[in-house]
Amino acid sequence: MNIENKSSYQVKRILGMLGISAKAGKIVCGTDATIQDIQRNKVSLVIVAENASEKTKKNIKYICDKNGVTILEFGNIDEISKTIGKSNKAIIGIKSKSLSNEIEKLIKENGGDLLHG
């Protein structure tokens, strides 16, 4: 889902949910930390930035598929990082099942889809 093609209101809602998740301490960010928490069954949803490297996408998709975790592409590294108050984060793991469900619903309503590849 390319953010430039979506309504700014809907994108702000999604980014807002990511920000709320971060403030509530319900996320993990970065490839290594996210993979660790996926393997510990602590992550319900993974969001990967559209401009993440293909190697990163392939690696995180493999881990998510192996562990039954949904993975979605959304936004770009700068927008996601700014929203969660970090820098250069291409991958976010959402730990709360209820927040995961809401974020997944919002992304899919706005044309987002599972990471394929």
C-alpha atoms as a PDB file:
ATOM      1  CA  MET A   1       0.000   0.000   0.000  1.00  0.00           C
ATOM      2  CA  ASN A   2       1.558   3.249  -1.097  1.00  0.00           C
ATOM      3  CA  ILE A   3       0.769   5.964   1.422  1.00  0.00           C
ATOM      4  CA  GLU A   4       0.727   8.678  -1.240  1.00  0.00           C
ATOM      5  CA  ASN A   5      -2.249   6.960  -2.915  1.00  0.00           C
ATOM      6  CA  LYS A   6      -4.425   6.687   0.184  1.00  0.00           C
ATOM      7  CA  SER A   7      -6.537   9.248   1.961  1.00  0.00           C
ATOM      8  CA  SER A   8      -4.471  11.148   4.478  1.00  0.00           C
ATOM      9  CA  TYR A   9      -7.176  10.629   7.109  1.00  0.00           C
ATOM     10  CA  GLN A  10      -6.966   6.839   6.881  1.00  0.00           C
ATOM     11  CA  VAL A  11      -3.175   6.864   6.839  1.00  0.00           C
ATOM     12  CA  LYS A  12      -3.160   9.107   9.919  1.00  0.00           C
ATOM     13  CA  ARG A  13      -5.482   6.633  11.671  1.00  0.00           C
ATOM     14  CA  ILE A  14      -3.102   3.756  10.949  1.00  0.00           C
ATOM     15  CA  LEU A  15      -0.033   5.738  11.986  1.00  0.00           C
ATOM     16  CA  GLY A  16      -1.935   6.894  15.076  1.00  0.00           C
ATOM     17  CA  MET A  17      -2.627   3.292  16.058  1.00  0.00           C
ATOM     18  CA  LEU A  18       1.060   2.481  15.632  1.00  0.00           C
ATOM     19  CA  GLY A  19       1.932   5.467  17.825  1.00  0.00           C
ATOM     20  CA  ILE A  20      -0.552   4.379  20.492  1.00  0.00           C
ATOM     21  CA  SER A  21       0.907   0.873  20.397  1.00  0.00           C
ATOM     22  CA  ALA A  22       4.421   2.274  20.849  1.00  0.00           C
ATOM     23  CA  LYS A  23       3.419   4.523  23.752  1.00  0.00           C
ATOM     24  CA  ALA A  24       1.674   1.596  25.421  1.00  0.00           C
ATOM     25  CA  GLY A  25       4.840  -0.489  25.139  1.00  0.00           C
ATOM     26  CA  LYS A  26       3.080  -3.000  22.907  1.00  0.00           C
ATOM     27  CA  ILE A  27       5.599  -3.045  20.062  1.00  0.00           C
ATOM     28  CA  VAL A  28       9.026  -4.374  19.313  1.00  0.00           C
ATOM     29  CA  CYS A  29      11.052  -2.796  16.537  1.00  0.00           C
ATOM     30  CA  GLY A  30      14.019  -3.764  14.446  1.00  0.00           C
ATOM     31  CA  THR A  31      14.685  -7.027  12.683  1.00  0.00           C
ATOM     32  CA  ASP A  32      16.590  -8.924  15.371  1.00  0.00           C
ATOM     33  CA  ALA A  33      14.354  -7.938  18.297  1.00  0.00           C
ATOM     34  CA  THR A  34      11.201  -8.656  16.288  1.00  0.00           C
ATOM     35  CA  ILE A  35      12.462 -12.076  15.217  1.00  0.00           C
ATOM     36  CA  GLN A  36      13.290 -12.941  18.831  1.00  0.00           C
ATOM     37  CA  ASP A  37       9.806 -12.000  20.001  1.00  0.00           C
ATOM     38  CA  ILE A  38       8.156 -13.851  17.097  1.00  0.00           C
ATOM     39  CA  GLN A  39      10.016 -17.006  18.108  1.00  0.00           C
ATOM     40  CA  ARG A  40       8.887 -16.482  21.724  1.00  0.00           C
ATOM     41  CA  ASN A  41       5.255 -16.170  20.549  1.00  0.00           C
ATOM     42  CA  LYS A  42       5.018 -12.570  21.790  1.00  0.00           C
ATOM     43  CA  VAL A  43       4.117 -10.940  18.446  1.00  0.00           C
ATOM     44  CA  SER A  44       0.660 -11.006  16.823  1.00  0.00           C
ATOM     45  CA  LEU A  45       1.358  -8.867  13.739  1.00  0.00           C
ATOM     46  CA  VAL A  46       4.444  -7.693  11.877  1.00  0.00           C
ATOM     47  CA  ILE A  47       4.505  -4.551   9.771  1.00  0.00           C
ATOM     48  CA  VAL A  48       7.335  -4.118   7.302  1.00  0.00           C
ATOM     49  CA  ALA A  49       8.036  -0.863   5.485  1.00  0.00           C
ATOM     50  CA  GLU A  50       7.535  -0.924   1.732  1.00  0.00           C
ATOM     51  CA  ASN A  51      11.032   0.440   1.193  1.00  0.00           C
ATOM     52  CA  ALA A  52      12.731  -2.191   3.376  1.00  0.00           C
ATOM     53  CA  SER A  53      15.359  -4.200   1.531  1.00  0.00           C
ATOM     54  CA  GLU A  54      14.223  -7.304  -0.315  1.00  0.00           C
ATOM     55  CA  LYS A  55      16.565  -9.399   1.846  1.00  0.00           C
ATOM     56  CA  THR A  56      14.950  -8.032   5.016  1.00  0.00           C
ATOM     57  CA  LYS A  57      11.456  -8.689   3.649  1.00  0.00           C
ATOM     58  CA  LYS A  58      12.376 -12.225   2.615  1.00  0.00           C
ATOM     59  CA  ASN A  59      13.957 -13.048   5.998  1.00  0.00           C
ATOM     60  CA  ILE A  60      11.115 -11.658   8.113  1.00  0.00           C
ATOM     61  CA  LYS A  61       8.495 -13.288   5.879  1.00  0.00           C
ATOM     62  CA  TYR A  62      10.174 -16.671   6.324  1.00  0.00           C
ATOM     63  CA  ILE A  63      10.178 -16.314  10.129  1.00  0.00           C
ATOM     64  CA  CYS A  64       6.553 -15.094  10.176  1.00  0.00           C
ATOM     65  CA  ASP A  65       5.359 -17.905   7.905  1.00  0.00           C
ATOM     66  CA  LYS A  66       7.210 -20.472  10.015  1.00  0.00           C
ATOM     67  CA  ASN A  67       5.603 -19.143  13.219  1.00  0.00           C
ATOM     68  CA  GLY A  68       2.106 -18.359  11.887  1.00  0.00           C
ATOM     69  CA  VAL A  69       2.372 -14.572  12.313  1.00  0.00           C
ATOM     70  CA  THR A  70       0.599 -12.216   9.902  1.00  0.00           C
ATOM     71  CA  ILE A  71       2.908  -9.816   8.067  1.00  0.00           C
ATOM     72  CA  LEU A  72       1.743  -6.699   6.243  1.00  0.00           C
ATOM     73  CA  GLU A  73       3.511  -4.047   4.174  1.00  0.00           C
ATOM     74  CA  PHE A  74       2.711  -0.482   5.093  1.00  0.00           C
ATOM     75  CA  GLY A  75       4.333   2.925   4.796  1.00  0.00           C
ATOM     76  CA  ASN A  76       7.985   3.739   4.555  1.00  0.00           C
ATOM     77  CA  ILE A  77      10.847   3.602   7.000  1.00  0.00           C
ATOM     78  CA  ASP A  78      10.860   7.336   7.749  1.00  0.00           C
ATOM     79  CA  GLU A  79       7.116   7.557   8.469  1.00  0.00           C
ATOM     80  CA  ILE A  80       7.028   4.441  10.606  1.00  0.00           C
ATOM     81  CA  SER A  81      10.158   5.429  12.532  1.00  0.00           C
ATOM     82  CA  LYS A  82       8.869   8.932  13.230  1.00  0.00           C
ATOM     83  CA  THR A  83       5.523   7.545  14.411  1.00  0.00           C
ATOM     84  CA  ILE A  84       7.092   5.233  16.977  1.00  0.00           C
ATOM     85  CA  GLY A  85       9.738   7.729  18.073  1.00  0.00           C
ATOM     86  CA  LYS A  86      12.716   5.761  16.744  1.00  0.00           C
ATOM     87  CA  SER A  87      15.031   6.086  13.782  1.00  0.00           C
ATOM     88  CA  ASN A  88      15.590   3.817  10.799  1.00  0.00           C
ATOM     89  CA  LYS A  89      13.100   1.073  11.745  1.00  0.00           C
ATOM     90  CA  ALA A  90      11.770  -0.986   8.839  1.00  0.00           C
ATOM     91  CA  ILE A  91      10.082  -3.681  10.923  1.00  0.00           C
ATOM     92  CA  ILE A  92       7.622  -3.411  13.793  1.00  0.00           C
ATOM     93  CA  GLY A  93       6.109  -6.272  15.737  1.00  0.00           C
ATOM     94  CA  ILE A  94       2.788  -5.616  17.499  1.00  0.00           C
ATOM     95  CA  LYS A  95       2.501  -7.546  20.767  1.00  0.00           C
ATOM     96  CA  SER A  96      -1.130  -6.829  21.659  1.00  0.00           C
ATOM     97  CA  LYS A  97      -3.662  -9.067  19.916  1.00  0.00           C
ATOM     98  CA  SER A  98      -6.435  -6.438  20.100  1.00  0.00           C
ATOM     99  CA  LEU A  99      -4.193  -3.678  18.702  1.00  0.00           C
ATOM    100  CA  SER A 100      -2.927  -6.099  16.053  1.00  0.00           C
ATOM    101  CA  ASN A 101      -6.465  -6.883  14.938  1.00  0.00           C
ATOM    102  CA  GLU A 102      -7.404  -3.206  14.689  1.00  0.00           C
ATOM    103  CA  ILE A 103      -4.236  -2.211  12.817  1.00  0.00           C
ATOM    104  CA  GLU A 104      -4.563  -5.153  10.418  1.00  0.00           C
ATOM    105  CA  LYS A 105      -8.198  -4.239   9.740  1.00  0.00           C
ATOM    106  CA  LEU A 106      -7.308  -0.592   9.027  1.00  0.00           C
ATOM    107  CA  ILE A 107      -4.433  -1.484   6.715  1.00  0.00           C
ATOM    108  CA  LYS A 108      -6.508  -4.009   4.760  1.00  0.00           C
ATOM    109  CA  GLU A 109      -9.435  -1.548   4.474  1.00  0.00           C
ATOM    110  CA  ASN A 110      -7.030   0.847   2.818  1.00  0.00           C
ATOM    111  CA  GLY A 111      -5.718  -1.550   0.213  1.00  0.00           C
ATOM    112  CA  GLY A 112      -2.863  -3.016   2.224  1.00  0.00           C
ATOM    113  CA  ASP A 113      -2.118  -6.675   1.800  1.00  0.00           C
ATOM    114  CA  LEU A 114      -0.042  -9.510   3.126  1.00  0.00           C
ATOM    115  CA  LEU A 115       3.624  -9.422   2.228  1.00  0.00           C
ATOM    116  CA  HIS A 116       4.115 -11.673  -0.769  1.00  0.00           C
ATOM    117  CA  GLY A 117       7.359 -13.000  -2.102  1.00  0.00           C
END
